[in-house]
Amino acid sequence: DGGYALRRAGVAVGSLVLAAAGALV
């Protein structure tokens, strides 16, 4: 509860975006 699904989606998208940005750097 408490936005669990939204948090999981946020962690998944956020970590993937940060990994892509890190790979670009």
mmCIF file of all heavy atoms, coordinates in Angstrom:
data_MODEL
# 
_entry.id   MODEL 
# 
loop_
_atom_site.group_PDB 
_atom_site.id 
_atom_site.type_symbol 
_atom_site.label_atom_id 
_atom_site.label_alt_id 
_atom_site.label_comp_id 
_atom_site.label_asym_id 
_atom_site.label_entity_id 
_atom_site.label_seq_id 
_atom_site.pdbx_PDB_ins_code 
_atom_site.Cartn_x 
_atom_site.Cartn_y 
_atom_site.Cartn_z 
_atom_site.occupancy 
_atom_site.B_iso_or_equiv 
_atom_site.pdbx_formal_charge 
_atom_site.auth_seq_id 
_atom_site.auth_comp_id 
_atom_site.auth_asym_id 
_atom_site.auth_atom_id 
_atom_site.pdbx_PDB_model_num 
ATOM 1   N N   . ASP A 1 1  ? 0.836  -1.192 0.000   1.00 0.00 ? 1  ASP A N   1 
ATOM 2   C CA  . ASP A 1 1  ? 0.000  0.000  0.000   1.00 0.00 ? 1  ASP A CA  1 
ATOM 3   C C   . ASP A 1 1  ? 0.872  1.243  0.000   1.00 0.00 ? 1  ASP A C   1 
ATOM 4   O O   . ASP A 1 1  ? 2.085  1.151  -0.114  1.00 0.00 ? 1  ASP A O   1 
ATOM 5   C CB  . ASP A 1 1  ? -0.930 0.001  1.220   1.00 0.00 ? 1  ASP A CB  1 
ATOM 6   C CG  . ASP A 1 1  ? -0.167 0.014  2.539   1.00 0.00 ? 1  ASP A CG  1 
ATOM 7   O OD1 . ASP A 1 1  ? 1.064  -0.129 2.522   1.00 0.00 ? 1  ASP A OD1 1 
ATOM 8   O OD2 . ASP A 1 1  ? -0.803 0.152  3.592   1.00 0.00 ? 1  ASP A OD2 1 
ATOM 9   N N   . GLY A 1 2  ? 0.264  2.395  0.095   1.00 0.00 ? 2  GLY A N   1 
ATOM 10  C CA  . GLY A 1 2  ? 1.022  3.640  0.165   1.00 0.00 ? 2  GLY A CA  1 
ATOM 11  C C   . GLY A 1 2  ? 1.783  3.950  -1.112  1.00 0.00 ? 2  GLY A C   1 
ATOM 12  O O   . GLY A 1 2  ? 2.895  4.453  -1.057  1.00 0.00 ? 2  GLY A O   1 
ATOM 13  N N   . GLY A 1 3  ? 1.201  3.605  -2.260  1.00 0.00 ? 3  GLY A N   1 
ATOM 14  C CA  . GLY A 1 3  ? 1.860  3.887  -3.527  1.00 0.00 ? 3  GLY A CA  1 
ATOM 15  C C   . GLY A 1 3  ? 2.953  2.892  -3.872  1.00 0.00 ? 3  GLY A C   1 
ATOM 16  O O   . GLY A 1 3  ? 3.890  3.227  -4.605  1.00 0.00 ? 3  GLY A O   1 
ATOM 17  N N   . TYR A 1 4  ? 2.839  1.676  -3.378  1.00 0.00 ? 4  TYR A N   1 
ATOM 18  C CA  . TYR A 1 4  ? 3.868  0.656  -3.597  1.00 0.00 ? 4  TYR A CA  1 
ATOM 19  C C   . TYR A 1 4  ? 4.126  0.429  -5.091  1.00 0.00 ? 4  TYR A C   1 
ATOM 20  O O   . TYR A 1 4  ? 5.276  0.417  -5.533  1.00 0.00 ? 4  TYR A O   1 
ATOM 21  C CB  . TYR A 1 4  ? 3.446  -0.645 -2.910  1.00 0.00 ? 4  TYR A CB  1 
ATOM 22  C CG  . TYR A 1 4  ? 4.332  -1.827 -3.224  1.00 0.00 ? 4  TYR A CG  1 
ATOM 23  C CD1 . TYR A 1 4  ? 5.533  -2.008 -2.556  1.00 0.00 ? 4  TYR A CD1 1 
ATOM 24  C CD2 . TYR A 1 4  ? 3.971  -2.754 -4.187  1.00 0.00 ? 4  TYR A CD2 1 
ATOM 25  C CE1 . TYR A 1 4  ? 6.348  -3.088 -2.833  1.00 0.00 ? 4  TYR A CE1 1 
ATOM 26  C CE2 . TYR A 1 4  ? 4.776  -3.840 -4.475  1.00 0.00 ? 4  TYR A CE2 1 
ATOM 27  C CZ  . TYR A 1 4  ? 5.959  -4.001 -3.794  1.00 0.00 ? 4  TYR A CZ  1 
ATOM 28  O OH  . TYR A 1 4  ? 6.761  -5.065 -4.075  1.00 0.00 ? 4  TYR A OH  1 
ATOM 29  N N   . ALA A 1 5  ? 3.069  0.221  -5.857  1.00 0.00 ? 5  ALA A N   1 
ATOM 30  C CA  . ALA A 1 5  ? 3.234  -0.057 -7.295  1.00 0.00 ? 5  ALA A CA  1 
ATOM 31  C C   . ALA A 1 5  ? 3.881  1.128  -8.000  1.00 0.00 ? 5  ALA A C   1 
ATOM 32  O O   . ALA A 1 5  ? 4.751  0.952  -8.856  1.00 0.00 ? 5  ALA A O   1 
ATOM 33  C CB  . ALA A 1 5  ? 1.889  -0.392 -7.930  1.00 0.00 ? 5  ALA A CB  1 
ATOM 34  N N   . LEU A 1 6  ? 3.461  2.326  -7.633  1.00 0.00 ? 6  LEU A N   1 
ATOM 35  C CA  . LEU A 1 6  ? 4.037  3.527  -8.235  1.00 0.00 ? 6  LEU A CA  1 
ATOM 36  C C   . LEU A 1 6  ? 5.512  3.669  -7.848  1.00 0.00 ? 6  LEU A C   1 
ATOM 37  O O   . LEU A 1 6  ? 6.346  4.027  -8.696  1.00 0.00 ? 6  LEU A O   1 
ATOM 38  C CB  . LEU A 1 6  ? 3.244  4.759  -7.800  1.00 0.00 ? 6  LEU A CB  1 
ATOM 39  C CG  . LEU A 1 6  ? 3.595  6.069  -8.464  1.00 0.00 ? 6  LEU A CG  1 
ATOM 40  C CD1 . LEU A 1 6  ? 3.380  5.961  -9.972  1.00 0.00 ? 6  LEU A CD1 1 
ATOM 41  C CD2 . LEU A 1 6  ? 2.750  7.195  -7.899  1.00 0.00 ? 6  LEU A CD2 1 
ATOM 42  N N   . ARG A 1 7  ? 5.826  3.360  -6.621  1.00 0.00 ? 7  ARG A N   1 
ATOM 43  C CA  . ARG A 1 7  ? 7.227  3.425  -6.189  1.00 0.00 ? 7  ARG A CA  1 
ATOM 44  C C   . ARG A 1 7  ? 8.078  2.399  -6.933  1.00 0.00 ? 7  ARG A C   1 
ATOM 45  O O   . ARG A 1 7  ? 9.200  2.685  -7.319  1.00 0.00 ? 7  ARG A O   1 
ATOM 46  C CB  . ARG A 1 7  ? 7.334  3.172  -4.683  1.00 0.00 ? 7  ARG A CB  1 
ATOM 47  C CG  . ARG A 1 7  ? 6.788  4.298  -3.853  1.00 0.00 ? 7  ARG A CG  1 
ATOM 48  C CD  . ARG A 1 7  ? 6.896  3.959  -2.390  1.00 0.00 ? 7  ARG A CD  1 
ATOM 49  N NE  . ARG A 1 7  ? 6.140  4.909  -1.597  1.00 0.00 ? 7  ARG A NE  1 
ATOM 50  C CZ  . ARG A 1 7  ? 6.379  5.157  -0.331  1.00 0.00 ? 7  ARG A CZ  1 
ATOM 51  N NH1 . ARG A 1 7  ? 7.341  4.529  0.299   1.00 0.00 ? 7  ARG A NH1 1 
ATOM 52  N NH2 . ARG A 1 7  ? 5.653  6.022  0.331   1.00 0.00 ? 7  ARG A NH2 1 
ATOM 53  N N   . ARG A 1 8  ? 7.539  1.183  -7.095  1.00 0.00 ? 8  ARG A N   1 
ATOM 54  C CA  . ARG A 1 8  ? 8.283  0.157  -7.829  1.00 0.00 ? 8  ARG A CA  1 
ATOM 55  C C   . ARG A 1 8  ? 8.527  0.583  -9.257  1.00 0.00 ? 8  ARG A C   1 
ATOM 56  O O   . ARG A 1 8  ? 9.624  0.410  -9.797  1.00 0.00 ? 8  ARG A O   1 
ATOM 57  C CB  . ARG A 1 8  ? 7.499  -1.162 -7.808  1.00 0.00 ? 8  ARG A CB  1 
ATOM 58  C CG  . ARG A 1 8  ? 8.185  -2.192 -6.987  1.00 0.00 ? 8  ARG A CG  1 
ATOM 59  C CD  . ARG A 1 8  ? 7.573  -3.536 -7.039  1.00 0.00 ? 8  ARG A CD  1 
ATOM 60  N NE  . ARG A 1 8  ? 7.479  -4.062 -8.385  1.00 0.00 ? 8  ARG A NE  1 
ATOM 61  C CZ  . ARG A 1 8  ? 6.620  -4.991 -8.751  1.00 0.00 ? 8  ARG A CZ  1 
ATOM 62  N NH1 . ARG A 1 8  ? 5.770  -5.488 -7.882  1.00 0.00 ? 8  ARG A NH1 1 
ATOM 63  N NH2 . ARG A 1 8  ? 6.599  -5.436 -9.976  1.00 0.00 ? 8  ARG A NH2 1 
ATOM 64  N N   . ALA A 1 9  ? 7.510  1.150  -9.893  1.00 0.00 ? 9  ALA A N   1 
ATOM 65  C CA  . ALA A 1 9  ? 7.683  1.635  -11.265 1.00 0.00 ? 9  ALA A CA  1 
ATOM 66  C C   . ALA A 1 9  ? 8.705  2.771  -11.292 1.00 0.00 ? 9  ALA A C   1 
ATOM 67  O O   . ALA A 1 9  ? 9.545  2.840  -12.195 1.00 0.00 ? 9  ALA A O   1 
ATOM 68  C CB  . ALA A 1 9  ? 6.350  2.104  -11.835 1.00 0.00 ? 9  ALA A CB  1 
ATOM 69  N N   . GLY A 1 10 ? 8.649  3.645  -10.301 1.00 0.00 ? 10 GLY A N   1 
ATOM 70  C CA  . GLY A 1 10 ? 9.604  4.745  -10.228 1.00 0.00 ? 10 GLY A CA  1 
ATOM 71  C C   . GLY A 1 10 ? 11.035 4.267  -10.045 1.00 0.00 ? 10 GLY A C   1 
ATOM 72  O O   . GLY A 1 10 ? 11.961 4.801  -10.669 1.00 0.00 ? 10 GLY A O   1 
ATOM 73  N N   . VAL A 1 11 ? 11.224 3.255  -9.199  1.00 0.00 ? 11 VAL A N   1 
ATOM 74  C CA  . VAL A 1 11 ? 12.572 2.704  -9.000  1.00 0.00 ? 11 VAL A CA  1 
ATOM 75  C C   . VAL A 1 11 ? 13.065 2.048  -10.286 1.00 0.00 ? 11 VAL A C   1 
ATOM 76  O O   . VAL A 1 11 ? 14.220 2.220  -10.685 1.00 0.00 ? 11 VAL A O   1 
ATOM 77  C CB  . VAL A 1 11 ? 12.591 1.712  -7.822  1.00 0.00 ? 11 VAL A CB  1 
ATOM 78  C CG1 . VAL A 1 11 ? 13.875 0.905  -7.791  1.00 0.00 ? 11 VAL A CG1 1 
ATOM 79  C CG2 . VAL A 1 11 ? 12.428 2.450  -6.510  1.00 0.00 ? 11 VAL A CG2 1 
ATOM 80  N N   . ALA A 1 12 ? 12.181 1.313  -10.960 1.00 0.00 ? 12 ALA A N   1 
ATOM 81  C CA  . ALA A 1 12 ? 12.581 0.649  -12.207 1.00 0.00 ? 12 ALA A CA  1 
ATOM 82  C C   . ALA A 1 12 ? 12.959 1.672  -13.270 1.00 0.00 ? 12 ALA A C   1 
ATOM 83  O O   . ALA A 1 12 ? 14.041 1.589  -13.879 1.00 0.00 ? 12 ALA A O   1 
ATOM 84  C CB  . ALA A 1 12 ? 11.450 -0.246 -12.713 1.00 0.00 ? 12 ALA A CB  1 
ATOM 85  N N   . VAL A 1 13 ? 12.105 2.645  -13.490 1.00 0.00 ? 13 VAL A N   1 
ATOM 86  C CA  . VAL A 1 13 ? 12.377 3.662  -14.518 1.00 0.00 ? 13 VAL A CA  1 
ATOM 87  C C   . VAL A 1 13 ? 13.578 4.513  -14.120 1.00 0.00 ? 13 VAL A C   1 
ATOM 88  O O   . VAL A 1 13 ? 14.453 4.781  -14.943 1.00 0.00 ? 13 VAL A O   1 
ATOM 89  C CB  . VAL A 1 13 ? 11.122 4.532  -14.750 1.00 0.00 ? 13 VAL A CB  1 
ATOM 90  C CG1 . VAL A 1 13 ? 11.438 5.744  -15.596 1.00 0.00 ? 13 VAL A CG1 1 
ATOM 91  C CG2 . VAL A 1 13 ? 10.022 3.700  -15.395 1.00 0.00 ? 13 VAL A CG2 1 
ATOM 92  N N   . GLY A 1 14 ? 13.626 4.921  -12.866 1.00 0.00 ? 14 GLY A N   1 
ATOM 93  C CA  . GLY A 1 14 ? 14.722 5.763  -12.402 1.00 0.00 ? 14 GLY A CA  1 
ATOM 94  C C   . GLY A 1 14 ? 16.075 5.081  -12.517 1.00 0.00 ? 14 GLY A C   1 
ATOM 95  O O   . GLY A 1 14 ? 17.051 5.686  -12.975 1.00 0.00 ? 14 GLY A O   1 
ATOM 96  N N   . SER A 1 15 ? 16.139 3.816  -12.116 1.00 0.00 ? 15 SER A N   1 
ATOM 97  C CA  . SER A 1 15 ? 17.425 3.117  -12.202 1.00 0.00 ? 15 SER A CA  1 
ATOM 98  C C   . SER A 1 15 ? 17.824 2.888  -13.655 1.00 0.00 ? 15 SER A C   1 
ATOM 99  O O   . SER A 1 15 ? 19.008 2.975  -13.990 1.00 0.00 ? 15 SER A O   1 
ATOM 100 C CB  . SER A 1 15 ? 17.380 1.798  -11.434 1.00 0.00 ? 15 SER A CB  1 
ATOM 101 O OG  . SER A 1 15 ? 16.385 0.946  -11.952 1.00 0.00 ? 15 SER A OG  1 
ATOM 102 N N   . LEU A 1 16 ? 16.856 2.629  -14.521 1.00 0.00 ? 16 LEU A N   1 
ATOM 103 C CA  . LEU A 1 16 ? 17.183 2.434  -15.934 1.00 0.00 ? 16 LEU A CA  1 
ATOM 104 C C   . LEU A 1 16 ? 17.638 3.740  -16.584 1.00 0.00 ? 16 LEU A C   1 
ATOM 105 O O   . LEU A 1 16 ? 18.607 3.758  -17.350 1.00 0.00 ? 16 LEU A O   1 
ATOM 106 C CB  . LEU A 1 16 ? 15.985 1.854  -16.685 1.00 0.00 ? 16 LEU A CB  1 
ATOM 107 C CG  . LEU A 1 16 ? 16.267 1.365  -18.097 1.00 0.00 ? 16 LEU A CG  1 
ATOM 108 C CD1 . LEU A 1 16 ? 17.314 0.251  -18.073 1.00 0.00 ? 16 LEU A CD1 1 
ATOM 109 C CD2 . LEU A 1 16 ? 14.981 0.868  -18.743 1.00 0.00 ? 16 LEU A CD2 1 
ATOM 110 N N   . VAL A 1 17 ? 16.984 4.843  -16.253 1.00 0.00 ? 17 VAL A N   1 
ATOM 111 C CA  . VAL A 1 17 ? 17.381 6.151  -16.794 1.00 0.00 ? 17 VAL A CA  1 
ATOM 112 C C   . VAL A 1 17 ? 18.767 6.535  -16.292 1.00 0.00 ? 17 VAL A C   1 
ATOM 113 O O   . VAL A 1 17 ? 19.605 7.017  -17.063 1.00 0.00 ? 17 VAL A O   1 
ATOM 114 C CB  . VAL A 1 17 ? 16.325 7.226  -16.437 1.00 0.00 ? 17 VAL A CB  1 
ATOM 115 C CG1 . VAL A 1 17 ? 16.855 8.631  -16.670 1.00 0.00 ? 17 VAL A CG1 1 
ATOM 116 C CG2 . VAL A 1 17 ? 15.045 6.994  -17.223 1.00 0.00 ? 17 VAL A CG2 1 
ATOM 117 N N   . LEU A 1 18 ? 19.018 6.307  -15.007 1.00 0.00 ? 18 LEU A N   1 
ATOM 118 C CA  . LEU A 1 18 ? 20.344 6.623  -14.466 1.00 0.00 ? 18 LEU A CA  1 
ATOM 119 C C   . LEU A 1 18 ? 21.424 5.737  -15.079 1.00 0.00 ? 18 LEU A C   1 
ATOM 120 O O   . LEU A 1 18 ? 22.543 6.203  -15.335 1.00 0.00 ? 18 LEU A O   1 
ATOM 121 C CB  . LEU A 1 18 ? 20.350 6.483  -12.945 1.00 0.00 ? 18 LEU A CB  1 
ATOM 122 C CG  . LEU A 1 18 ? 19.617 7.582  -12.173 1.00 0.00 ? 18 LEU A CG  1 
ATOM 123 C CD1 . LEU A 1 18 ? 19.546 7.235  -10.696 1.00 0.00 ? 18 LEU A CD1 1 
ATOM 124 C CD2 . LEU A 1 18 ? 20.289 8.924  -12.384 1.00 0.00 ? 18 LEU A CD2 1 
ATOM 125 N N   . ALA A 1 19 ? 21.105 4.463  -15.329 1.00 0.00 ? 19 ALA A N   1 
ATOM 126 C CA  . ALA A 1 19 ? 22.076 3.569  -15.975 1.00 0.00 ? 19 ALA A CA  1 
ATOM 127 C C   . ALA A 1 19 ? 22.364 4.047  -17.399 1.00 0.00 ? 19 ALA A C   1 
ATOM 128 O O   . ALA A 1 19 ? 23.523 4.033  -17.837 1.00 0.00 ? 19 ALA A O   1 
ATOM 129 C CB  . ALA A 1 19 ? 21.559 2.133  -15.986 1.00 0.00 ? 19 ALA A CB  1 
ATOM 130 N N   . ALA A 1 20 ? 21.334 4.471  -18.108 1.00 0.00 ? 20 ALA A N   1 
ATOM 131 C CA  . ALA A 1 20 ? 21.536 4.976  -19.471 1.00 0.00 ? 20 ALA A CA  1 
ATOM 132 C C   . ALA A 1 20 ? 22.376 6.256  -19.453 1.00 0.00 ? 20 ALA A C   1 
ATOM 133 O O   . ALA A 1 20 ? 23.284 6.427  -20.288 1.00 0.00 ? 20 ALA A O   1 
ATOM 134 C CB  . ALA A 1 20 ? 20.192 5.227  -20.153 1.00 0.00 ? 20 ALA A CB  1 
ATOM 135 N N   . ALA A 1 21 ? 22.089 7.144  -18.506 1.00 0.00 ? 21 ALA A N   1 
ATOM 136 C CA  . ALA A 1 21 ? 22.871 8.376  -18.391 1.00 0.00 ? 21 ALA A CA  1 
ATOM 137 C C   . ALA A 1 21 ? 24.324 8.060  -18.024 1.00 0.00 ? 21 ALA A C   1 
ATOM 138 O O   . ALA A 1 21 ? 25.256 8.666  -18.562 1.00 0.00 ? 21 ALA A O   1 
ATOM 139 C CB  . ALA A 1 21 ? 22.253 9.298  -17.344 1.00 0.00 ? 21 ALA A CB  1 
ATOM 140 N N   . GLY A 1 22 ? 24.518 7.098  -17.131 1.00 0.00 ? 22 GLY A N   1 
ATOM 141 C CA  . GLY A 1 22 ? 25.878 6.694  -16.761 1.00 0.00 ? 22 GLY A CA  1 
ATOM 142 C C   . GLY A 1 22 ? 26.623 6.084  -17.930 1.00 0.00 ? 22 GLY A C   1 
ATOM 143 O O   . GLY A 1 22 ? 27.819 6.336  -18.116 1.00 0.00 ? 22 GLY A O   1 
ATOM 144 N N   . ALA A 1 23 ? 25.920 5.278  -18.729 1.00 0.00 ? 23 ALA A N   1 
ATOM 145 C CA  . ALA A 1 23 ? 26.548 4.682  -19.910 1.00 0.00 ? 23 ALA A CA  1 
ATOM 146 C C   . ALA A 1 23 ? 26.935 5.767  -20.912 1.00 0.00 ? 23 ALA A C   1 
ATOM 147 O O   . ALA A 1 23 ? 27.991 5.686  -21.565 1.00 0.00 ? 23 ALA A O   1 
ATOM 148 C CB  . ALA A 1 23 ? 25.610 3.671  -20.549 1.00 0.00 ? 23 ALA A CB  1 
ATOM 149 N N   . LEU A 1 24 ? 26.107 6.793  -21.023 1.00 0.00 ? 24 LEU A N   1 
ATOM 150 C CA  . LEU A 1 24 ? 26.417 7.911  -21.922 1.00 0.00 ? 24 LEU A CA  1 
ATOM 151 C C   . LEU A 1 24 ? 27.665 8.657  -21.445 1.00 0.00 ? 24 LEU A C   1 
ATOM 152 O O   . LEU A 1 24 ? 28.544 8.995  -22.258 1.00 0.00 ? 24 LEU A O   1 
ATOM 153 C CB  . LEU A 1 24 ? 25.215 8.864  -22.012 1.00 0.00 ? 24 LEU A CB  1 
ATOM 154 C CG  . LEU A 1 24 ? 25.330 10.013 -22.994 1.00 0.00 ? 24 LEU A CG  1 
ATOM 155 C CD1 . LEU A 1 24 ? 25.404 9.486  -24.425 1.00 0.00 ? 24 LEU A CD1 1 
ATOM 156 C CD2 . LEU A 1 24 ? 24.133 10.945 -22.834 1.00 0.00 ? 24 LEU A CD2 1 
ATOM 157 N N   . VAL A 1 25 ? 27.748 8.886  -20.149 1.00 0.00 ? 25 VAL A N   1 
ATOM 158 C CA  . VAL A 1 25 ? 28.935 9.554  -19.588 1.00 0.00 ? 25 VAL A CA  1 
ATOM 159 C C   . VAL A 1 25 ? 30.184 8.697  -19.819 1.00 0.00 ? 25 VAL A C   1 
ATOM 160 O O   . VAL A 1 25 ? 31.251 9.222  -20.190 1.00 0.00 ? 25 VAL A O   1 
ATOM 161 C CB  . VAL A 1 25 ? 28.736 9.862  -18.086 1.00 0.00 ? 25 VAL A CB  1 
ATOM 162 C CG1 . VAL A 1 25 ? 30.030 10.297 -17.428 1.00 0.00 ? 25 VAL A CG1 1 
ATOM 163 C CG2 . VAL A 1 25 ? 27.671 10.931 -17.900 1.00 0.00 ? 25 VAL A CG2 1 
# 
